[in-house]
Amino acid sequence: MRIAFYAPMKSPNHAVPSGDRQMARLLIRAFQHAGHTVELASELRSYCNEPDDSHYDRIEAEAAADADRLSLEWRTSRPDVWFTYHPYYKSPDLLGPRIARRFGIPYVTAEASYSERRNLGRWGKTQALVADAVRSAAVNICFTERDRLGLRQAFPQARLETLPPFIESAEAKSAPRHSTGRLITVAMMRPGDKMASYRMLAQTLERLADHSWTLSIIGDGPGRREVEVAFTALPSDRIAWLGELSPQDVTATLAKSDIYVWPGFSEAFGLAYLEAQAAGLPVVAQRIAGVPEVVKNGETGLLTPPDDVDAYAGAIRTLITDSALCKQMGAAARQFVIEERSLPAAAAHLDQILKRALS
């Protein structure tokens, strides 16, 4: 099957790393693993953080030009399906529905999200575009139960399927572990929810000063100085600032650690949690947003109530002081990812979803 792929929030070729870019790349690899041909239909980015009319007017004009370009390119041979990843109110799909209608090909979305509380001002217009995309889709693929319920409530007639989040490197080697105090986190440094997680992690570790631990931080970004300030109350020799690393180096560093710690404010799901578990690390996170979709509480990690720093510190303390439990959860975490969240399993599932929707 020939698939036209489009990611209006961030192209898989975008220069800045992020979970969104990574998931787009993973979806392409999953399609290819299942034997499909994937072409990037457009790199037009519709994302805007503020409700800016002039921005969306410009994007609308660029989308019209892109649609004309594709009409010329596909005059003799068109794709079998259009696939849009992550349309939502800040990055609506201005291209896919019109192209699908123009060529009479099925339209599919993945990780579309919709919240009626955003139906205000300019966002109301972009929300209408998301609604059109969801209603017109042959199928909308949801990664989390939260997104599925949100779409079901807003669009009772929409066709929905669930594809659990997955990663490619599930076969990463897990190094033998002889300690439980080597903590690690991997996250971009930017304002908002990421900063909130960094601050909570710093406050948590202040409560664990009497325990033996070190923390490796992988990540960088415009908020690095603010993140560093958040950790100033902690002994500097306990914190290793590793900056941005290659995917291979991230995997190698995870394999040398013991526990993955990241509170996870507003995480859609968090691929980093799966990567840590693939390396045999139990996770300590909050029971919040989409995190429970990728961490099995009490089996592959510990999830604590939102905004409860004491509970979060207690969960980390439990794994630091109970080496048997830490290793048990680490082994279960690795098995969970390999058996349920690997690329081959996701590719087979995605292929079945597509065939059911288009049959």
Protein backbone atom coordinates (compact mmCIF):
# COMPACT_ATOMS: atom_id res chain seq x y z
CA MET A 1 0.00 0.00 0.00
CA ARG A 2 1.25 3.48 -0.85
CA ILE A 3 0.80 5.90 2.05
CA ALA A 4 1.03 9.70 1.91
CA PHE A 5 2.30 10.74 5.35
CA TYR A 6 1.87 14.20 6.87
CA ALA A 7 2.61 15.63 10.34
CA PRO A 8 1.27 19.21 10.64
CA MET A 9 2.81 19.82 14.07
CA LYS A 10 6.37 18.77 13.25
CA SER A 11 7.78 17.05 10.19
CA PRO A 12 9.76 13.84 10.80
CA ASN A 13 12.62 15.75 9.13
CA HIS A 14 12.47 18.68 11.58
CA ALA A 15 15.86 19.67 12.99
CA VAL A 16 14.76 19.87 16.65
CA PRO A 17 14.41 16.54 18.51
CA SER A 18 11.16 15.89 20.33
CA GLY A 19 8.78 13.09 21.19
CA ASP A 20 6.47 14.29 18.42
CA ARG A 21 9.20 14.01 15.79
CA GLN A 22 10.23 10.63 17.16
CA MET A 23 6.68 9.26 17.03
CA ALA A 24 6.26 10.43 13.44
CA ARG A 25 9.43 8.58 12.50
CA LEU A 26 8.31 5.48 14.37
CA LEU A 27 4.99 5.41 12.53
CA ILE A 28 6.79 5.61 9.20
CA ARG A 29 9.09 2.75 10.21
CA ALA A 30 6.13 0.69 11.39
CA PHE A 31 4.40 1.12 8.03
CA GLN A 32 7.58 0.16 6.22
CA HIS A 33 8.11 -2.83 8.49
CA ALA A 34 4.61 -4.00 7.52
CA GLY A 35 5.57 -3.78 3.85
CA HIS A 36 3.97 -0.47 2.90
CA THR A 37 5.56 2.36 0.92
CA VAL A 38 5.57 5.74 2.67
CA GLU A 39 6.12 9.14 1.09
CA LEU A 40 6.24 12.43 2.98
CA ALA A 41 3.44 14.38 1.29
CA SER A 42 4.36 17.78 2.72
CA GLU A 43 6.57 19.46 5.32
CA LEU A 44 4.15 22.34 5.83
CA ARG A 45 4.04 23.14 9.55
CA SER A 46 0.73 24.56 10.75
CA TYR A 47 1.71 24.75 14.44
CA CYS A 48 1.34 28.06 16.25
CA ASN A 49 1.50 28.48 20.02
CA GLU A 50 -0.75 31.54 20.04
CA PRO A 51 -4.12 32.15 18.31
CA ASP A 52 -2.62 34.23 15.48
CA ASP A 53 -4.99 34.91 12.57
CA SER A 54 -2.21 36.11 10.28
CA HIS A 55 -0.25 32.88 10.85
CA TYR A 56 -3.15 30.64 9.91
CA ASP A 57 -4.06 32.82 6.92
CA ARG A 58 -0.52 32.32 5.63
CA ILE A 59 -0.61 28.59 6.31
CA GLU A 60 -3.96 28.32 4.53
CA ALA A 61 -2.43 29.93 1.44
CA GLU A 62 0.59 27.61 1.62
CA ALA A 63 -1.70 24.60 2.05
CA ALA A 64 -3.64 25.59 -1.07
CA ALA A 65 -0.38 25.83 -3.02
CA ASP A 66 0.76 22.46 -1.67
CA ALA A 67 -2.55 20.90 -2.66
CA ASP A 68 -2.10 22.17 -6.23
CA ARG A 69 1.45 20.81 -6.27
CA LEU A 70 0.30 17.38 -5.18
CA SER A 71 -2.51 17.43 -7.73
CA LEU A 72 0.10 17.80 -10.47
CA GLU A 73 2.43 15.18 -9.01
CA TRP A 74 -0.35 12.63 -8.58
CA ARG A 75 -2.06 13.06 -11.95
CA THR A 76 -1.01 9.62 -13.15
CA SER A 77 -0.42 7.77 -9.87
CA ARG A 78 -2.00 8.60 -6.56
CA PRO A 79 -1.43 7.14 -3.04
CA ASP A 80 -3.81 4.57 -1.62
CA VAL A 81 -4.35 6.49 1.61
CA TRP A 82 -3.54 9.83 3.28
CA PHE A 83 -2.24 9.52 6.87
CA THR A 84 -2.02 12.54 9.18
CA TYR A 85 -0.20 12.34 12.50
CA HIS A 86 -1.23 14.53 15.46
CA PRO A 87 -3.73 17.11 14.28
CA TYR A 88 -5.01 19.27 17.14
CA TYR A 89 -6.11 22.84 17.70
CA LYS A 90 -2.62 24.36 17.55
CA SER A 91 -1.59 22.33 14.49
CA PRO A 92 -4.70 21.54 12.42
CA ASP A 93 -4.53 19.62 9.16
CA LEU A 94 -5.31 22.13 6.43
CA LEU A 95 -4.09 19.79 3.71
CA GLY A 96 -5.13 16.17 4.18
CA PRO A 97 -8.96 16.33 4.11
CA ARG A 98 -9.06 18.47 0.97
CA ILE A 99 -6.53 16.25 -0.85
CA ALA A 100 -8.34 13.07 0.22
CA ARG A 101 -11.63 14.46 -1.09
CA ARG A 102 -10.02 15.73 -4.29
CA PHE A 103 -8.53 12.34 -5.12
CA GLY A 104 -11.20 10.16 -3.54
CA ILE A 105 -8.72 8.35 -1.29
CA PRO A 106 -9.25 7.32 2.37
CA TYR A 107 -8.11 9.72 5.05
CA VAL A 108 -6.66 8.45 8.36
CA THR A 109 -5.51 10.27 11.49
CA ALA A 110 -3.33 9.21 14.43
CA GLU A 111 -3.24 10.97 17.82
CA ALA A 112 -5.91 13.48 16.87
CA SER A 113 -7.13 15.29 19.96
CA TYR A 114 -10.12 17.53 20.60
CA SER A 115 -11.27 19.51 23.62
CA GLU A 116 -14.44 21.60 23.51
CA ARG A 117 -13.01 24.04 26.04
CA ARG A 118 -10.72 25.29 23.26
CA ASN A 119 -13.65 26.47 21.12
CA LEU A 120 -12.88 30.15 21.67
CA GLY A 121 -11.79 32.85 19.21
CA ARG A 122 -9.19 31.79 16.69
CA TRP A 123 -8.88 28.39 18.31
CA GLY A 124 -12.54 27.79 17.52
CA LYS A 125 -11.69 27.99 13.83
CA THR A 126 -8.77 25.57 14.09
CA GLN A 127 -10.89 23.26 16.24
CA ALA A 128 -13.42 23.17 13.40
CA LEU A 129 -10.65 21.92 11.12
CA VAL A 130 -9.80 19.16 13.61
CA ALA A 131 -13.48 18.22 13.80
CA ASP A 132 -13.66 18.01 10.01
CA ALA A 133 -10.57 15.78 9.96
CA VAL A 134 -11.91 13.39 12.62
CA ARG A 135 -15.38 13.14 11.09
CA SER A 136 -14.06 12.54 7.57
CA ALA A 137 -11.46 9.94 8.59
CA ALA A 138 -11.88 6.30 7.63
CA VAL A 139 -10.34 5.66 11.04
CA ASN A 140 -8.80 7.73 13.85
CA ILE A 141 -5.98 5.90 15.64
CA CYS A 142 -5.67 6.75 19.35
CA PHE A 143 -2.55 6.08 21.41
CA THR A 144 -4.18 6.64 24.80
CA GLU A 145 -7.52 5.94 26.43
CA ARG A 146 -7.76 9.61 27.34
CA ASP A 147 -7.62 10.67 23.68
CA ARG A 148 -10.01 7.92 22.64
CA LEU A 149 -12.61 8.96 25.21
CA GLY A 150 -12.20 12.61 24.23
CA LEU A 151 -12.89 11.86 20.57
CA ARG A 152 -15.74 9.48 21.39
CA GLN A 153 -17.48 12.12 23.50
CA ALA A 154 -17.11 14.82 20.85
CA PHE A 155 -17.73 12.62 17.80
CA PRO A 156 -19.92 9.61 18.69
CA GLN A 157 -20.05 8.42 15.07
CA ALA A 158 -16.30 8.62 14.39
CA ARG A 159 -14.46 5.37 13.79
CA LEU A 160 -11.78 4.87 16.43
CA GLU A 161 -9.03 2.30 16.93
CA THR A 162 -6.32 2.06 19.61
CA LEU A 163 -2.60 1.57 18.96
CA PRO A 164 -0.54 1.54 22.18
CA PRO A 165 2.62 3.70 22.13
CA PHE A 166 5.71 1.79 21.03
CA ILE A 167 9.43 2.19 20.37
CA GLU A 168 11.95 0.73 17.96
CA SER A 169 14.85 -0.08 20.28
CA ALA A 170 13.05 -2.64 22.45
CA GLU A 171 15.91 -5.09 21.99
CA ALA A 172 18.46 -2.78 23.64
CA LYS A 173 20.83 -4.70 25.87
CA SER A 174 20.38 -4.41 29.61
CA ALA A 175 23.59 -4.29 31.64
CA PRO A 176 23.94 -6.25 34.92
CA ARG A 177 23.05 -4.01 37.87
CA HIS A 178 24.70 -4.15 41.26
CA SER A 179 23.20 -0.98 42.76
CA THR A 180 19.90 0.92 42.96
CA GLY A 181 21.05 4.49 43.44
CA ARG A 182 21.90 5.57 39.88
CA LEU A 183 18.94 7.71 38.86
CA ILE A 184 18.49 9.04 35.34
CA THR A 185 16.10 11.26 33.40
CA VAL A 186 15.85 12.26 29.74
CA ALA A 187 13.90 15.40 28.85
CA MET A 188 14.11 18.64 26.92
CA MET A 189 14.66 21.80 28.95
CA ARG A 190 11.93 24.29 28.10
CA PRO A 191 9.29 26.36 29.90
CA GLY A 192 5.94 24.90 30.85
CA ASP A 193 5.30 21.29 31.77
CA LYS A 194 8.91 20.17 31.27
CA MET A 195 10.09 22.82 33.70
CA ALA A 196 7.41 21.82 36.19
CA SER A 197 8.69 18.24 36.10
CA TYR A 198 12.29 19.34 36.59
CA ARG A 199 11.31 21.50 39.57
CA MET A 200 9.36 18.67 41.18
CA LEU A 201 12.26 16.28 40.64
CA ALA A 202 14.66 18.71 42.33
CA GLN A 203 12.29 19.19 45.29
CA THR A 204 11.95 15.42 45.55
CA LEU A 205 15.69 14.78 45.68
CA GLU A 206 16.08 17.38 48.43
CA ARG A 207 13.87 15.10 50.54
CA LEU A 208 16.21 12.18 49.78
CA ALA A 209 19.48 13.84 50.76
CA ASP A 210 20.13 11.22 53.44
CA HIS A 211 20.12 8.41 50.84
CA SER A 212 22.91 7.42 48.50
CA TRP A 213 21.99 8.37 44.93
CA THR A 214 23.28 10.17 41.86
CA LEU A 215 21.26 11.68 39.01
CA SER A 216 22.23 11.80 35.34
CA ILE A 217 20.28 14.39 33.35
CA ILE A 218 20.16 13.99 29.56
CA GLY A 219 18.69 16.97 27.79
CA ASP A 220 19.16 20.58 26.78
CA GLY A 221 17.15 23.51 25.57
CA PRO A 222 16.27 27.17 26.13
CA GLY A 223 15.36 26.52 29.78
CA ARG A 224 18.68 24.95 30.78
CA ARG A 225 19.76 27.78 33.06
CA GLU A 226 16.42 27.72 34.87
CA VAL A 227 16.68 23.95 35.30
CA GLU A 228 20.18 24.28 36.74
CA VAL A 229 18.93 26.88 39.22
CA ALA A 230 16.21 24.46 40.37
CA PHE A 231 18.91 21.96 41.40
CA THR A 232 21.26 24.39 43.18
CA ALA A 233 20.22 23.19 46.66
CA LEU A 234 21.58 19.71 45.85
CA PRO A 235 25.25 18.67 46.08
CA SER A 236 26.82 19.34 42.67
CA ASP A 237 28.78 16.08 42.76
CA ARG A 238 25.52 14.13 42.74
CA ILE A 239 24.25 15.64 39.47
CA ALA A 240 25.74 14.84 36.06
CA TRP A 241 24.65 17.26 33.34
CA LEU A 242 25.09 15.24 30.14
CA GLY A 243 23.38 17.60 27.70
CA GLU A 244 21.87 16.41 24.44
CA LEU A 245 23.10 12.96 23.42
CA SER A 246 22.67 10.84 20.32
CA PRO A 247 20.00 8.11 20.52
CA GLN A 248 22.76 5.50 20.74
CA ASP A 249 24.43 7.28 23.65
CA VAL A 250 21.08 7.72 25.41
CA THR A 251 20.49 3.97 25.17
CA ALA A 252 24.01 3.20 26.45
CA THR A 253 23.62 5.60 29.39
CA LEU A 254 20.23 4.17 30.33
CA ALA A 255 21.79 0.69 30.40
CA LYS A 256 24.28 1.90 33.03
CA SER A 257 21.58 3.34 35.30
CA ASP A 258 19.18 1.85 37.84
CA ILE A 259 15.94 3.86 38.03
CA TYR A 260 14.26 6.22 35.58
CA VAL A 261 12.75 9.28 37.29
CA TRP A 262 10.52 11.85 35.60
CA PRO A 263 7.30 13.26 37.12
CA GLY A 264 5.68 13.69 33.70
CA PHE A 265 3.37 16.70 33.94
CA SER A 266 0.93 16.63 30.97
CA GLU A 267 2.87 13.92 29.14
CA ALA A 268 0.80 12.61 26.23
CA PHE A 269 2.42 9.28 27.05
CA GLY A 270 6.21 9.71 26.99
CA LEU A 271 8.32 7.52 24.73
CA ALA A 272 11.28 8.03 27.06
CA TYR A 273 9.48 5.90 29.65
CA LEU A 274 9.36 3.01 27.17
CA GLU A 275 13.02 3.47 26.22
CA ALA A 276 14.03 3.36 29.88
CA GLN A 277 11.99 0.22 30.48
CA ALA A 278 13.48 -1.42 27.39
CA ALA A 279 16.87 -0.95 29.05
CA GLY A 280 15.58 -2.75 32.16
CA LEU A 281 14.86 0.29 34.35
CA PRO A 282 11.81 0.61 36.58
CA VAL A 283 10.09 3.99 36.28
CA VAL A 284 8.97 6.42 38.95
CA ALA A 285 6.43 8.93 37.60
CA GLN A 286 3.15 10.55 38.48
CA ARG A 287 -0.16 8.86 37.74
CA ILE A 288 -1.09 11.65 35.38
CA ALA A 289 -2.13 12.36 31.78
CA GLY A 290 -1.02 9.53 29.46
CA VAL A 291 1.74 8.11 31.67
CA PRO A 292 -0.32 5.07 32.82
CA GLU A 293 -0.51 4.04 29.14
CA VAL A 294 3.21 3.24 29.13
CA VAL A 295 4.03 2.30 32.74
CA LYS A 296 2.31 -0.54 34.62
CA ASN A 297 1.94 0.72 38.16
CA GLY A 298 3.25 -1.80 40.67
CA GLU A 299 4.70 -4.01 37.92
CA THR A 300 7.13 -2.00 35.78
CA GLY A 301 7.33 1.06 37.99
CA LEU A 302 5.63 3.18 40.62
CA LEU A 303 3.10 5.90 39.79
CA THR A 304 2.21 8.42 42.48
CA PRO A 305 -0.69 10.88 42.87
CA PRO A 306 -0.29 14.17 40.95
CA ASP A 307 1.47 17.07 42.71
CA ASP A 308 2.40 14.97 45.75
CA VAL A 309 6.14 15.52 46.22
CA ASP A 310 6.26 13.46 49.41
CA ALA A 311 4.63 10.47 47.71
CA TYR A 312 6.99 10.82 44.77
CA ALA A 313 10.01 10.91 47.07
CA GLY A 314 8.65 7.87 48.92
CA ALA A 315 8.38 5.89 45.68
CA ILE A 316 11.98 6.64 44.74
CA ARG A 317 13.09 5.80 48.27
CA THR A 318 11.30 2.43 48.01
CA LEU A 319 13.25 1.42 44.91
CA ILE A 320 16.57 2.79 46.18
CA THR A 321 16.32 0.81 49.41
CA ASP A 322 14.72 -2.38 48.07
CA SER A 323 17.17 -3.77 45.53
CA ALA A 324 15.15 -6.97 44.97
CA LEU A 325 12.01 -5.01 44.09
CA CYS A 326 13.99 -2.62 41.89
CA LYS A 327 15.49 -5.47 39.89
CA GLN A 328 12.18 -7.33 39.71
CA MET A 329 10.40 -4.29 38.29
CA GLY A 330 13.28 -3.60 35.91
CA ALA A 331 13.05 -7.12 34.49
CA ALA A 332 9.27 -6.85 34.15
CA ALA A 333 9.66 -3.46 32.45
CA ARG A 334 12.01 -4.84 29.85
CA GLN A 335 9.76 -7.83 29.17
CA PHE A 336 6.71 -5.55 28.85
CA VAL A 337 8.32 -3.39 26.17
CA ILE A 338 9.81 -6.27 24.18
CA GLU A 339 6.60 -8.30 24.17
CA GLU A 340 3.97 -5.56 23.91
CA ARG A 341 5.52 -2.28 22.77
CA SER A 342 8.13 -3.19 20.16
CA LEU A 343 8.19 -2.03 16.54
CA PRO A 344 7.30 -5.46 15.06
CA ALA A 345 4.25 -5.80 17.30
CA ALA A 346 3.13 -2.25 16.53
CA ALA A 347 3.67 -2.72 12.80
CA ALA A 348 1.45 -5.80 12.75
CA HIS A 349 -1.23 -4.02 14.80
CA LEU A 350 -1.10 -0.90 12.62
CA ASP A 351 -1.35 -2.98 9.46
CA GLN A 352 -4.46 -4.73 10.81
CA ILE A 353 -6.07 -1.41 11.73
CA LEU A 354 -5.45 -0.01 8.27
CA LYS A 355 -6.76 -3.08 6.48
CA ARG A 356 -9.92 -3.17 8.62
CA ALA A 357 -10.60 0.50 7.99
CA LEU A 358 -10.03 0.36 4.26
CA SER A 359 -11.60 -2.99 3.46
